[in-house]
Amino acid sequence: MNIYLDIIPDALANLKKLQNFWFYDSPIVKVTEKLGTLNNLLMLTLSNCSLTHLPNLSNLQKLWSLDLRNNRLSHVEGIPDVIFLDLPGNIFNHIPILKNVEKLEFLTMNDNPLKNAASIMFYKNLKGISLRNTMLTSIPPDIDKLQNLQYIDFSNNTISHLPNNILNLPLLEQFVINNNLLSTNEIQSIRKAFKKSHPNLELII
């Protein structure tokens, strides 16, 4: 059931034992500042709304999944140290840096005007990253330092070259790089190289 409200009210703060909170497909424009006091939250989803601002969430120290897809957010103050961070369909121009960069494993920021992905290099334990349609022109040249990566989606950007060391990701299972500016020769070269280094890789190019 979809609920249509303009705000999420202060009464939410009474739900001190709340662990999972999902709110979606509503044109809400404001969330109570007391959201940050729900210290037992494990999962927080506020998706397909009209939010431009969120309260400081740094006190939600038990939170492991934060889903804020399809809002109008350009930044979020005090993002807690989550495992899953989903921010697609907003207006971020940078990848947020969490305090504990070692905890994040899955990052999704599709459809944001990022322009570069340099900040992903802080997250050494990333297993999956999706930056589809984010205005990227290049891939970080030292991406092979993210040795736990299993899934990468950099499709629908303007990338014209892949760094050779992307072949040095031992756990990579799926790599999506279609709809970029790679030349026919480079595509052929990439296919050949991955076939040798990652014979079971699902390559979408």
N, C-alpha and C. Protein backbone atom coordinates (compact mmCIF):
# COMPACT_ATOMS: atom_id res chain seq x y z
N MET A 1 0.85 -1.20 0.00
CA MET A 1 0.00 0.00 0.00
C MET A 1 0.88 1.24 0.00
N ASN A 2 0.60 2.17 -0.85
CA ASN A 2 1.34 3.42 -0.92
C ASN A 2 0.67 4.47 -0.05
N ILE A 3 1.48 5.26 0.66
CA ILE A 3 0.97 6.29 1.54
C ILE A 3 1.41 7.64 0.99
N TYR A 4 0.49 8.59 0.92
CA TYR A 4 0.82 9.89 0.34
C TYR A 4 0.77 10.96 1.43
N LEU A 5 1.94 11.47 1.80
CA LEU A 5 2.07 12.50 2.81
C LEU A 5 3.07 13.53 2.31
N ASP A 6 3.03 14.73 2.91
CA ASP A 6 4.04 15.73 2.59
C ASP A 6 5.27 15.60 3.47
N ILE A 7 5.09 15.07 4.69
CA ILE A 7 6.20 14.93 5.62
C ILE A 7 6.10 13.60 6.36
N ILE A 8 7.22 13.15 6.87
CA ILE A 8 7.22 12.05 7.84
C ILE A 8 7.25 12.70 9.21
N PRO A 9 6.23 12.52 10.04
CA PRO A 9 6.05 13.34 11.25
C PRO A 9 6.98 12.98 12.40
N ASP A 10 7.03 13.90 13.39
CA ASP A 10 7.87 13.72 14.57
C ASP A 10 7.48 12.50 15.38
N ALA A 11 6.23 12.06 15.27
CA ALA A 11 5.77 10.90 16.04
C ALA A 11 6.57 9.65 15.72
N LEU A 12 7.29 9.66 14.62
CA LEU A 12 8.14 8.53 14.27
C LEU A 12 9.15 8.25 15.38
N ALA A 13 9.54 9.28 16.11
CA ALA A 13 10.55 9.13 17.15
C ALA A 13 10.09 8.23 18.29
N ASN A 14 8.80 7.98 18.39
CA ASN A 14 8.28 7.11 19.44
C ASN A 14 8.58 5.63 19.19
N LEU A 15 8.97 5.31 17.97
CA LEU A 15 9.19 3.91 17.59
C LEU A 15 10.64 3.51 17.85
N LYS A 16 11.02 3.55 19.11
CA LYS A 16 12.42 3.36 19.49
C LYS A 16 12.96 1.97 19.17
N LYS A 17 12.07 0.98 19.08
CA LYS A 17 12.52 -0.38 18.81
C LYS A 17 12.49 -0.73 17.32
N LEU A 18 12.11 0.23 16.50
CA LEU A 18 11.97 -0.02 15.07
C LEU A 18 13.31 -0.42 14.46
N GLN A 19 13.30 -1.51 13.69
CA GLN A 19 14.52 -1.99 13.06
C GLN A 19 14.53 -1.79 11.55
N ASN A 20 13.38 -1.89 10.91
CA ASN A 20 13.29 -1.76 9.46
C ASN A 20 12.23 -0.72 9.11
N PHE A 21 12.62 0.27 8.29
CA PHE A 21 11.68 1.32 7.91
C PHE A 21 11.74 1.52 6.40
N TRP A 22 10.62 1.26 5.74
CA TRP A 22 10.50 1.43 4.29
C TRP A 22 9.43 2.47 4.00
N PHE A 23 9.76 3.45 3.20
CA PHE A 23 8.79 4.46 2.77
C PHE A 23 9.10 4.78 1.32
N TYR A 24 8.13 4.57 0.42
CA TYR A 24 8.43 4.70 -0.99
C TYR A 24 7.20 5.15 -1.78
N ASP A 25 7.47 5.66 -3.00
CA ASP A 25 6.41 6.09 -3.92
C ASP A 25 5.46 7.10 -3.30
N SER A 26 6.02 8.07 -2.58
CA SER A 26 5.24 9.15 -1.99
C SER A 26 5.95 10.48 -2.22
N PRO A 27 5.21 11.55 -2.48
CA PRO A 27 5.84 12.85 -2.74
C PRO A 27 6.21 13.58 -1.46
N ILE A 28 6.85 12.89 -0.52
CA ILE A 28 7.23 13.56 0.73
C ILE A 28 8.39 14.51 0.46
N VAL A 29 8.37 15.64 1.11
CA VAL A 29 9.40 16.66 0.91
C VAL A 29 10.23 16.88 2.17
N LYS A 30 9.79 16.30 3.30
CA LYS A 30 10.51 16.52 4.55
C LYS A 30 10.41 15.29 5.44
N VAL A 31 11.52 14.97 6.09
CA VAL A 31 11.58 13.88 7.06
C VAL A 31 11.91 14.49 8.41
N THR A 32 11.21 14.05 9.45
CA THR A 32 11.48 14.58 10.78
C THR A 32 12.96 14.46 11.15
N GLU A 33 13.47 15.49 11.83
CA GLU A 33 14.86 15.47 12.29
C GLU A 33 15.08 14.35 13.30
N LYS A 34 13.99 13.84 13.88
CA LYS A 34 14.10 12.78 14.89
C LYS A 34 14.36 11.41 14.28
N LEU A 35 14.37 11.33 12.96
CA LEU A 35 14.71 10.07 12.33
C LEU A 35 16.07 9.57 12.81
N GLY A 36 16.98 10.49 13.04
CA GLY A 36 18.33 10.14 13.47
C GLY A 36 18.42 9.63 14.89
N THR A 37 17.29 9.57 15.60
CA THR A 37 17.30 9.06 16.98
C THR A 37 16.86 7.61 17.07
N LEU A 38 16.50 7.01 15.95
CA LEU A 38 16.03 5.61 15.96
C LEU A 38 17.23 4.67 15.93
N ASN A 39 17.85 4.51 17.09
CA ASN A 39 19.15 3.86 17.18
C ASN A 39 19.16 2.38 16.88
N ASN A 40 17.96 1.76 16.78
CA ASN A 40 17.90 0.33 16.51
C ASN A 40 17.65 0.01 15.04
N LEU A 41 17.59 1.04 14.20
CA LEU A 41 17.35 0.79 12.78
C LEU A 41 18.47 -0.02 12.17
N LEU A 42 18.07 -1.05 11.40
CA LEU A 42 19.01 -1.86 10.64
C LEU A 42 18.94 -1.54 9.16
N MET A 43 17.71 -1.29 8.68
CA MET A 43 17.49 -0.99 7.27
C MET A 43 16.61 0.25 7.15
N LEU A 44 17.02 1.18 6.29
CA LEU A 44 16.25 2.40 6.06
C LEU A 44 16.10 2.61 4.57
N THR A 45 14.84 2.67 4.11
CA THR A 45 14.53 2.90 2.70
C THR A 45 13.57 4.07 2.57
N LEU A 46 14.00 5.09 1.84
CA LEU A 46 13.17 6.24 1.49
C LEU A 46 13.34 6.45 0.00
N SER A 47 12.57 5.74 -0.80
CA SER A 47 12.80 5.75 -2.25
C SER A 47 11.60 6.25 -3.02
N ASN A 48 11.90 6.80 -4.20
CA ASN A 48 10.86 7.33 -5.08
C ASN A 48 10.01 8.37 -4.38
N CYS A 49 10.68 9.30 -3.72
CA CYS A 49 10.01 10.40 -3.03
C CYS A 49 10.49 11.71 -3.66
N SER A 50 10.38 12.81 -2.93
CA SER A 50 10.80 14.11 -3.45
C SER A 50 11.74 14.81 -2.49
N LEU A 51 12.52 14.04 -1.77
CA LEU A 51 13.38 14.59 -0.72
C LEU A 51 14.57 15.34 -1.28
N THR A 52 14.84 16.51 -0.72
CA THR A 52 16.03 17.27 -1.05
C THR A 52 16.99 17.35 0.14
N HIS A 53 16.53 16.91 1.30
CA HIS A 53 17.33 17.02 2.52
C HIS A 53 16.95 15.90 3.46
N LEU A 54 17.94 15.40 4.20
CA LEU A 54 17.70 14.43 5.26
C LEU A 54 18.39 14.90 6.53
N PRO A 55 17.86 14.53 7.70
CA PRO A 55 18.55 14.86 8.94
C PRO A 55 19.85 14.09 9.06
N ASN A 56 20.68 14.48 10.00
CA ASN A 56 21.94 13.78 10.24
C ASN A 56 21.65 12.36 10.72
N LEU A 57 22.24 11.40 10.04
CA LEU A 57 21.96 9.99 10.34
C LEU A 57 23.11 9.30 11.07
N SER A 58 24.09 10.08 11.53
CA SER A 58 25.32 9.49 12.05
C SER A 58 25.11 8.66 13.31
N ASN A 59 24.00 8.86 14.03
CA ASN A 59 23.74 8.09 15.25
C ASN A 59 23.15 6.72 14.98
N LEU A 60 22.82 6.43 13.74
CA LEU A 60 22.22 5.13 13.41
C LEU A 60 23.33 4.10 13.22
N GLN A 61 23.99 3.78 14.31
CA GLN A 61 25.21 2.98 14.23
C GLN A 61 24.95 1.50 13.95
N LYS A 62 23.71 1.04 14.06
CA LYS A 62 23.39 -0.35 13.74
C LYS A 62 22.96 -0.52 12.28
N LEU A 63 22.76 0.59 11.59
CA LEU A 63 22.25 0.54 10.22
C LEU A 63 23.26 -0.14 9.29
N TRP A 64 22.76 -1.08 8.48
CA TRP A 64 23.65 -1.73 7.52
C TRP A 64 23.18 -1.56 6.08
N SER A 65 21.94 -1.07 5.88
CA SER A 65 21.44 -0.85 4.52
C SER A 65 20.72 0.50 4.45
N LEU A 66 21.17 1.37 3.53
CA LEU A 66 20.56 2.68 3.33
C LEU A 66 20.20 2.83 1.86
N ASP A 67 18.89 2.95 1.58
CA ASP A 67 18.39 3.05 0.21
C ASP A 67 17.63 4.36 0.05
N LEU A 68 18.20 5.28 -0.72
CA LEU A 68 17.60 6.61 -0.93
C LEU A 68 17.39 6.88 -2.41
N ARG A 69 17.12 5.86 -3.16
CA ARG A 69 17.05 5.99 -4.62
C ARG A 69 15.88 6.86 -5.05
N ASN A 70 16.10 7.57 -6.17
CA ASN A 70 15.06 8.36 -6.85
C ASN A 70 14.45 9.43 -5.94
N ASN A 71 15.31 10.31 -5.45
CA ASN A 71 14.89 11.52 -4.75
C ASN A 71 15.53 12.72 -5.46
N ARG A 72 15.78 13.80 -4.72
CA ARG A 72 16.42 14.98 -5.29
C ARG A 72 17.60 15.40 -4.41
N LEU A 73 18.31 14.43 -3.90
CA LEU A 73 19.38 14.67 -2.94
C LEU A 73 20.69 14.94 -3.64
N SER A 74 21.42 15.93 -3.14
CA SER A 74 22.76 16.21 -3.63
C SER A 74 23.82 15.87 -2.59
N HIS A 75 23.40 15.70 -1.36
CA HIS A 75 24.30 15.25 -0.29
C HIS A 75 23.45 14.72 0.85
N VAL A 76 24.05 13.91 1.70
CA VAL A 76 23.40 13.41 2.91
C VAL A 76 24.39 13.57 4.04
N GLU A 77 23.97 14.26 5.09
CA GLU A 77 24.85 14.55 6.21
C GLU A 77 24.93 13.35 7.15
N GLY A 78 26.13 12.96 7.48
CA GLY A 78 26.32 11.92 8.49
C GLY A 78 25.84 10.55 8.06
N ILE A 79 26.19 10.13 6.85
CA ILE A 79 25.82 8.78 6.43
C ILE A 79 26.53 7.77 7.35
N PRO A 80 25.79 6.87 7.97
CA PRO A 80 26.43 5.89 8.85
C PRO A 80 27.24 4.87 8.05
N ASP A 81 28.00 4.07 8.77
CA ASP A 81 28.89 3.10 8.12
C ASP A 81 28.10 1.85 7.75
N VAL A 82 27.51 1.88 6.55
CA VAL A 82 26.63 0.81 6.10
C VAL A 82 27.39 -0.18 5.21
N ILE A 83 26.76 -1.32 4.96
CA ILE A 83 27.29 -2.31 4.03
C ILE A 83 26.74 -2.07 2.63
N PHE A 84 25.45 -1.72 2.56
CA PHE A 84 24.78 -1.43 1.30
C PHE A 84 24.40 0.05 1.25
N LEU A 85 24.83 0.75 0.21
CA LEU A 85 24.49 2.15 0.02
C LEU A 85 23.92 2.33 -1.38
N ASP A 86 22.64 2.69 -1.45
CA ASP A 86 21.93 2.84 -2.72
C ASP A 86 21.45 4.28 -2.87
N LEU A 87 22.06 5.00 -3.83
CA LEU A 87 21.73 6.42 -4.05
C LEU A 87 21.39 6.74 -5.50
N PRO A 88 20.92 5.80 -6.31
CA PRO A 88 20.66 6.13 -7.72
C PRO A 88 19.52 7.12 -7.89
N GLY A 89 19.55 7.81 -9.04
CA GLY A 89 18.44 8.70 -9.37
C GLY A 89 18.36 9.94 -8.51
N ASN A 90 19.51 10.48 -8.10
CA ASN A 90 19.56 11.73 -7.35
C ASN A 90 20.42 12.73 -8.12
N ILE A 91 20.97 13.72 -7.43
CA ILE A 91 21.79 14.72 -8.11
C ILE A 91 23.15 14.89 -7.43
N PHE A 92 23.70 13.78 -6.92
CA PHE A 92 25.04 13.81 -6.35
C PHE A 92 26.07 14.08 -7.45
N ASN A 93 27.05 14.95 -7.15
CA ASN A 93 28.15 15.14 -8.09
C ASN A 93 29.46 14.55 -7.57
N HIS A 94 29.37 13.80 -6.46
CA HIS A 94 30.53 13.10 -5.94
C HIS A 94 30.05 11.86 -5.19
N ILE A 95 30.95 10.92 -4.99
CA ILE A 95 30.65 9.73 -4.22
C ILE A 95 30.94 10.04 -2.75
N PRO A 96 29.95 9.89 -1.87
CA PRO A 96 30.18 10.21 -0.45
C PRO A 96 31.27 9.32 0.15
N ILE A 97 32.00 9.88 1.11
CA ILE A 97 33.04 9.13 1.82
C ILE A 97 32.54 8.85 3.24
N LEU A 98 32.38 7.58 3.56
CA LEU A 98 31.93 7.19 4.89
C LEU A 98 33.12 7.23 5.86
N LYS A 99 32.79 7.33 7.15
CA LYS A 99 33.84 7.40 8.16
C LYS A 99 34.65 6.10 8.20
N ASN A 100 33.93 4.97 8.17
CA ASN A 100 34.59 3.68 8.15
C ASN A 100 34.52 3.12 6.73
N VAL A 101 35.52 3.40 5.94
CA VAL A 101 35.48 3.04 4.52
C VAL A 101 35.64 1.54 4.31
N GLU A 102 36.06 0.81 5.35
CA GLU A 102 36.29 -0.61 5.20
C GLU A 102 34.99 -1.42 5.26
N LYS A 103 33.90 -0.81 5.67
CA LYS A 103 32.66 -1.57 5.86
C LYS A 103 31.83 -1.69 4.59
N LEU A 104 31.85 -0.68 3.74
CA LEU A 104 30.99 -0.67 2.56
C LEU A 104 31.38 -1.78 1.58
N GLU A 105 30.36 -2.55 1.16
CA GLU A 105 30.60 -3.65 0.21
C GLU A 105 29.86 -3.46 -1.11
N PHE A 106 28.73 -2.75 -1.08
CA PHE A 106 27.94 -2.59 -2.30
C PHE A 106 27.50 -1.13 -2.43
N LEU A 107 27.84 -0.51 -3.56
CA LEU A 107 27.53 0.90 -3.81
C LEU A 107 26.82 1.03 -5.16
N THR A 108 25.65 1.67 -5.14
CA THR A 108 24.90 1.93 -6.36
C THR A 108 24.59 3.42 -6.45
N MET A 109 25.08 4.07 -7.53
CA MET A 109 24.83 5.50 -7.72
C MET A 109 24.47 5.80 -9.17
N ASN A 110 23.74 4.91 -9.81
CA ASN A 110 23.31 5.13 -11.19
C ASN A 110 22.55 6.45 -11.31
N ASP A 111 22.65 7.06 -12.50
CA ASP A 111 21.83 8.24 -12.83
C ASP A 111 22.06 9.40 -11.87
N ASN A 112 23.32 9.65 -11.57
CA ASN A 112 23.76 10.85 -10.85
C ASN A 112 24.84 11.52 -11.71
N PRO A 113 24.96 12.85 -11.64
CA PRO A 113 25.97 13.57 -12.45
C PRO A 113 27.36 13.56 -11.80
N LEU A 114 27.96 12.38 -11.63
CA LEU A 114 29.21 12.25 -10.89
C LEU A 114 30.43 12.77 -11.63
N LYS A 115 30.56 12.40 -12.89
CA LYS A 115 31.68 12.80 -13.75
C LYS A 115 32.99 12.05 -13.47
N ASN A 116 33.27 11.66 -12.23
CA ASN A 116 34.46 10.84 -11.99
C ASN A 116 34.19 9.86 -10.84
N ALA A 117 34.96 8.79 -10.84
CA ALA A 117 34.74 7.72 -9.87
C ALA A 117 35.93 7.55 -8.93
N ALA A 118 36.77 8.57 -8.82
CA ALA A 118 38.00 8.44 -8.05
C ALA A 118 37.77 8.01 -6.61
N SER A 119 36.66 8.44 -6.02
CA SER A 119 36.42 8.16 -4.60
C SER A 119 36.16 6.70 -4.30
N ILE A 120 35.85 5.90 -5.31
CA ILE A 120 35.62 4.48 -5.01
C ILE A 120 36.89 3.82 -4.50
N MET A 121 38.03 4.42 -4.75
CA MET A 121 39.28 3.81 -4.33
C MET A 121 39.47 3.81 -2.82
N PHE A 122 38.65 4.58 -2.10
CA PHE A 122 38.70 4.54 -0.64
C PHE A 122 38.12 3.23 -0.10
N TYR A 123 37.26 2.59 -0.89
CA TYR A 123 36.48 1.46 -0.40
C TYR A 123 37.13 0.14 -0.82
N LYS A 124 38.12 -0.28 -0.07
CA LYS A 124 38.94 -1.43 -0.45
C LYS A 124 38.19 -2.75 -0.39
N ASN A 125 37.05 -2.79 0.30
CA ASN A 125 36.31 -4.04 0.44
C ASN A 125 35.07 -4.10 -0.43
N LEU A 126 34.96 -3.21 -1.40
CA LEU A 126 33.82 -3.24 -2.30
C LEU A 126 33.74 -4.58 -3.04
N LYS A 127 32.51 -5.12 -3.08
CA LYS A 127 32.24 -6.33 -3.86
C LYS A 127 31.45 -6.00 -5.13
N GLY A 128 30.62 -4.96 -5.05
CA GLY A 128 29.83 -4.59 -6.20
C GLY A 128 29.68 -3.08 -6.30
N ILE A 129 29.80 -2.56 -7.53
CA ILE A 129 29.64 -1.13 -7.75
C ILE A 129 28.89 -0.91 -9.05
N SER A 130 27.90 -0.02 -9.00
CA SER A 130 27.13 0.32 -10.20
C SER A 130 27.09 1.84 -10.35
N LEU A 131 27.73 2.32 -11.42
CA LEU A 131 27.77 3.75 -11.72
C LEU A 131 27.27 3.96 -13.15
N ARG A 132 26.16 3.38 -13.46
CA ARG A 132 25.57 3.49 -14.80
C ARG A 132 25.01 4.89 -15.02
N ASN A 133 25.31 5.46 -16.20
CA ASN A 133 24.76 6.77 -16.57
C ASN A 133 25.10 7.84 -15.54
N THR A 134 26.39 8.02 -15.30
CA THR A 134 26.86 9.00 -14.33
C THR A 134 27.86 9.99 -14.92
N MET A 135 27.92 10.08 -16.24
CA MET A 135 28.78 11.03 -16.93
C MET A 135 30.27 10.71 -16.78
N LEU A 136 30.60 9.47 -16.46
CA LEU A 136 32.00 9.08 -16.31
C LEU A 136 32.73 9.12 -17.64
N THR A 137 33.95 9.62 -17.63
CA THR A 137 34.79 9.62 -18.82
C THR A 137 35.95 8.65 -18.70
N SER A 138 36.19 8.14 -17.49
CA SER A 138 37.32 7.24 -17.29
C SER A 138 37.08 6.36 -16.07
N ILE A 139 37.89 5.31 -16.00
CA ILE A 139 37.90 4.39 -14.85
C ILE A 139 39.19 4.63 -14.07
N PRO A 140 39.15 4.66 -12.74
CA PRO A 140 40.38 4.88 -11.98
C PRO A 140 41.49 3.92 -12.43
N PRO A 141 42.67 4.43 -12.72
CA PRO A 141 43.75 3.59 -13.28
C PRO A 141 44.24 2.51 -12.33
N ASP A 142 44.00 2.68 -11.02
CA ASP A 142 44.45 1.68 -10.05
C ASP A 142 43.29 0.86 -9.50
N ILE A 143 42.26 0.64 -10.33
CA ILE A 143 41.07 -0.07 -9.88
C ILE A 143 41.40 -1.49 -9.41
N ASP A 144 42.53 -2.03 -9.83
CA ASP A 144 42.88 -3.39 -9.41
C ASP A 144 43.21 -3.48 -7.93
N LYS A 145 43.31 -2.36 -7.24
CA LYS A 145 43.50 -2.38 -5.80
C LYS A 145 42.24 -2.81 -5.07
N LEU A 146 41.10 -2.77 -5.75
CA LEU A 146 39.83 -3.21 -5.16
C LEU A 146 39.68 -4.70 -5.44
N GLN A 147 40.46 -5.49 -4.75
CA GLN A 147 40.62 -6.91 -5.06
C GLN A 147 39.39 -7.76 -4.76
N ASN A 148 38.39 -7.21 -4.07
CA ASN A 148 37.20 -7.99 -3.74
C ASN A 148 36.06 -7.79 -4.74
N LEU A 149 36.27 -6.96 -5.75
CA LEU A 149 35.19 -6.67 -6.69
C LEU A 149 34.75 -7.92 -7.44
N GLN A 150 33.43 -8.12 -7.42
CA GLN A 150 32.80 -9.22 -8.14
C GLN A 150 31.90 -8.72 -9.27
N TYR A 151 31.38 -7.51 -9.10
CA TYR A 151 30.42 -6.96 -10.07
C TYR A 151 30.73 -5.50 -10.32
N ILE A 152 30.80 -5.09 -11.60
CA ILE A 152 31.03 -3.70 -11.98
C ILE A 152 30.06 -3.35 -13.10
N ASP A 153 29.38 -2.21 -12.95
CA ASP A 153 28.54 -1.68 -14.03
C ASP A 153 28.92 -0.22 -14.26
N PHE A 154 29.59 0.04 -15.39
CA PHE A 154 29.95 1.39 -15.80
C PHE A 154 29.29 1.72 -17.14
N SER A 155 28.16 1.13 -17.41
CA SER A 155 27.50 1.31 -18.72
C SER A 155 26.90 2.70 -18.87
N ASN A 156 26.63 3.06 -20.12
CA ASN A 156 25.96 4.33 -20.44
C ASN A 156 26.73 5.54 -19.94
N ASN A 157 28.02 5.55 -20.22
CA ASN A 157 28.86 6.70 -19.91
C ASN A 157 29.64 7.10 -21.16
N THR A 158 30.74 7.83 -20.99
CA THR A 158 31.54 8.24 -22.16
C THR A 158 32.98 7.78 -21.99
N ILE A 159 33.15 6.58 -21.48
CA ILE A 159 34.47 5.99 -21.28
C ILE A 159 35.03 5.52 -22.62
N SER A 160 36.25 5.93 -22.92
CA SER A 160 36.85 5.58 -24.21
C SER A 160 38.03 4.62 -24.08
N HIS A 161 38.42 4.31 -22.84
CA HIS A 161 39.58 3.45 -22.64
C HIS A 161 39.45 2.72 -21.32
N LEU A 162 39.88 1.46 -21.28
CA LEU A 162 39.90 0.68 -20.04
C LEU A 162 41.35 0.48 -19.60
N PRO A 163 41.62 0.70 -18.32
CA PRO A 163 42.99 0.43 -17.83
C PRO A 163 43.27 -1.07 -17.87
N ASN A 164 44.48 -1.44 -18.28
CA ASN A 164 44.83 -2.85 -18.42
C ASN A 164 44.73 -3.62 -17.11
N ASN A 165 44.95 -2.92 -15.98
CA ASN A 165 44.96 -3.64 -14.72
C ASN A 165 43.58 -4.08 -14.24
N ILE A 166 42.54 -3.72 -15.00
CA ILE A 166 41.21 -4.24 -14.65
C ILE A 166 41.18 -5.76 -14.82
N LEU A 167 42.15 -6.27 -15.58
CA LEU A 167 42.28 -7.72 -15.75
C LEU A 167 42.81 -8.39 -14.49
N ASN A 168 43.27 -7.60 -13.52
CA ASN A 168 43.88 -8.14 -12.31
C ASN A 168 42.92 -8.22 -11.13
N LEU A 169 41.62 -8.25 -11.43
CA LEU A 169 40.60 -8.40 -10.39
C LEU A 169 40.22 -9.87 -10.34
N PRO A 170 40.74 -10.62 -9.39
CA PRO A 170 40.62 -12.09 -9.43
C PRO A 170 39.21 -12.62 -9.21
N LEU A 171 38.34 -11.85 -8.54
CA LEU A 171 37.01 -12.35 -8.20
C LEU A 171 35.92 -11.84 -9.13
N LEU A 172 36.28 -11.07 -10.15
CA LEU A 172 35.30 -10.44 -11.03
C LEU A 172 34.47 -11.49 -11.77
N GLU A 173 33.13 -11.37 -11.62
CA GLU A 173 32.21 -12.31 -12.24
C GLU A 173 31.36 -11.67 -13.34
N GLN A 174 31.09 -10.37 -13.19
CA GLN A 174 30.28 -9.67 -14.20
C GLN A 174 30.82 -8.25 -14.38
N PHE A 175 31.02 -7.88 -15.65
CA PHE A 175 31.52 -6.55 -15.99
C PHE A 175 30.64 -5.99 -17.09
N VAL A 176 29.93 -4.89 -16.78
CA VAL A 176 29.00 -4.27 -17.73
C VAL A 176 29.59 -2.93 -18.16
N ILE A 177 29.91 -2.79 -19.44
CA ILE A 177 30.59 -1.59 -19.94
C ILE A 177 30.01 -1.17 -21.28
N ASN A 178 28.81 -1.63 -21.59
CA ASN A 178 28.20 -1.30 -22.89
C ASN A 178 27.76 0.17 -22.93
N ASN A 179 27.54 0.65 -24.14
CA ASN A 179 27.10 2.04 -24.37
C ASN A 179 28.09 3.07 -23.82
N ASN A 180 29.34 2.89 -24.22
CA ASN A 180 30.38 3.87 -23.94
C ASN A 180 31.01 4.27 -25.27
N LEU A 181 32.23 4.81 -25.23
CA LEU A 181 32.89 5.27 -26.45
C LEU A 181 34.09 4.42 -26.81
N LEU A 182 34.06 3.16 -26.46
CA LEU A 182 35.16 2.26 -26.77
C LEU A 182 35.18 1.96 -28.27
N SER A 183 36.35 1.96 -28.85
CA SER A 183 36.48 1.68 -30.28
C SER A 183 36.25 0.19 -30.54
N THR A 184 35.97 -0.12 -31.79
CA THR A 184 35.77 -1.52 -32.17
C THR A 184 37.01 -2.35 -31.88
N ASN A 185 38.18 -1.79 -32.16
CA ASN A 185 39.43 -2.50 -31.89
C ASN A 185 39.62 -2.77 -30.41
N GLU A 186 39.30 -1.77 -29.58
CA GLU A 186 39.48 -1.96 -28.14
C GLU A 186 38.49 -2.99 -27.61
N ILE A 187 37.27 -2.97 -28.11
CA ILE A 187 36.28 -3.96 -27.69
C ILE A 187 36.77 -5.37 -28.00
N GLN A 188 37.30 -5.55 -29.20
CA GLN A 188 37.82 -6.86 -29.57
C GLN A 188 38.98 -7.27 -28.68
N SER A 189 39.84 -6.30 -28.37
CA SER A 189 40.99 -6.57 -27.52
C SER A 189 40.55 -6.93 -26.10
N ILE A 190 39.54 -6.23 -25.61
CA ILE A 190 39.02 -6.49 -24.26
C ILE A 190 38.43 -7.89 -24.18
N ARG A 191 37.64 -8.24 -25.18
CA ARG A 191 37.02 -9.57 -25.20
C ARG A 191 38.09 -10.67 -25.16
N LYS A 192 39.12 -10.49 -25.96
CA LYS A 192 40.18 -11.48 -26.04
C LYS A 192 40.93 -11.59 -24.72
N ALA A 193 41.24 -10.44 -24.11
CA ALA A 193 42.00 -10.44 -22.86
C ALA A 193 41.21 -11.07 -21.72
N PHE A 194 39.92 -10.72 -21.61
CA PHE A 194 39.11 -11.28 -20.54
C PHE A 194 38.85 -12.77 -20.75
N LYS A 195 38.74 -13.19 -22.00
CA LYS A 195 38.53 -14.61 -22.26
C LYS A 195 39.70 -15.43 -21.74
N LYS A 196 40.88 -14.84 -21.78
CA LYS A 196 42.07 -15.52 -21.28
C LYS A 196 42.19 -15.43 -19.76
N SER A 197 41.94 -14.24 -19.21
CA SER A 197 42.16 -14.04 -17.77
C SER A 197 40.96 -14.44 -16.92
N HIS A 198 39.73 -14.30 -17.47
CA HIS A 198 38.50 -14.59 -16.74
C HIS A 198 37.54 -15.38 -17.65
N PRO A 199 37.82 -16.64 -17.90
CA PRO A 199 37.02 -17.39 -18.87
C PRO A 199 35.55 -17.53 -18.52
N ASN A 200 35.20 -17.38 -17.26
CA ASN A 200 33.81 -17.52 -16.84
C ASN A 200 33.12 -16.18 -16.61
N LEU A 201 33.79 -15.10 -16.94
CA LEU A 201 33.25 -13.76 -16.73
C LEU A 201 32.06 -13.48 -17.66
N GLU A 202 31.01 -12.87 -17.09
CA GLU A 202 29.92 -12.35 -17.93
C GLU A 202 30.28 -10.93 -18.33
N LEU A 203 30.67 -10.75 -19.58
CA LEU A 203 31.10 -9.46 -20.09
C LEU A 203 30.02 -8.89 -20.99
N ILE A 204 29.49 -7.72 -20.62
CA ILE A 204 28.47 -7.05 -21.42
C ILE A 204 29.10 -5.78 -21.95
N ILE A 205 29.36 -5.77 -23.27
CA ILE A 205 30.15 -4.69 -23.85
C ILE A 205 29.58 -4.27 -25.20
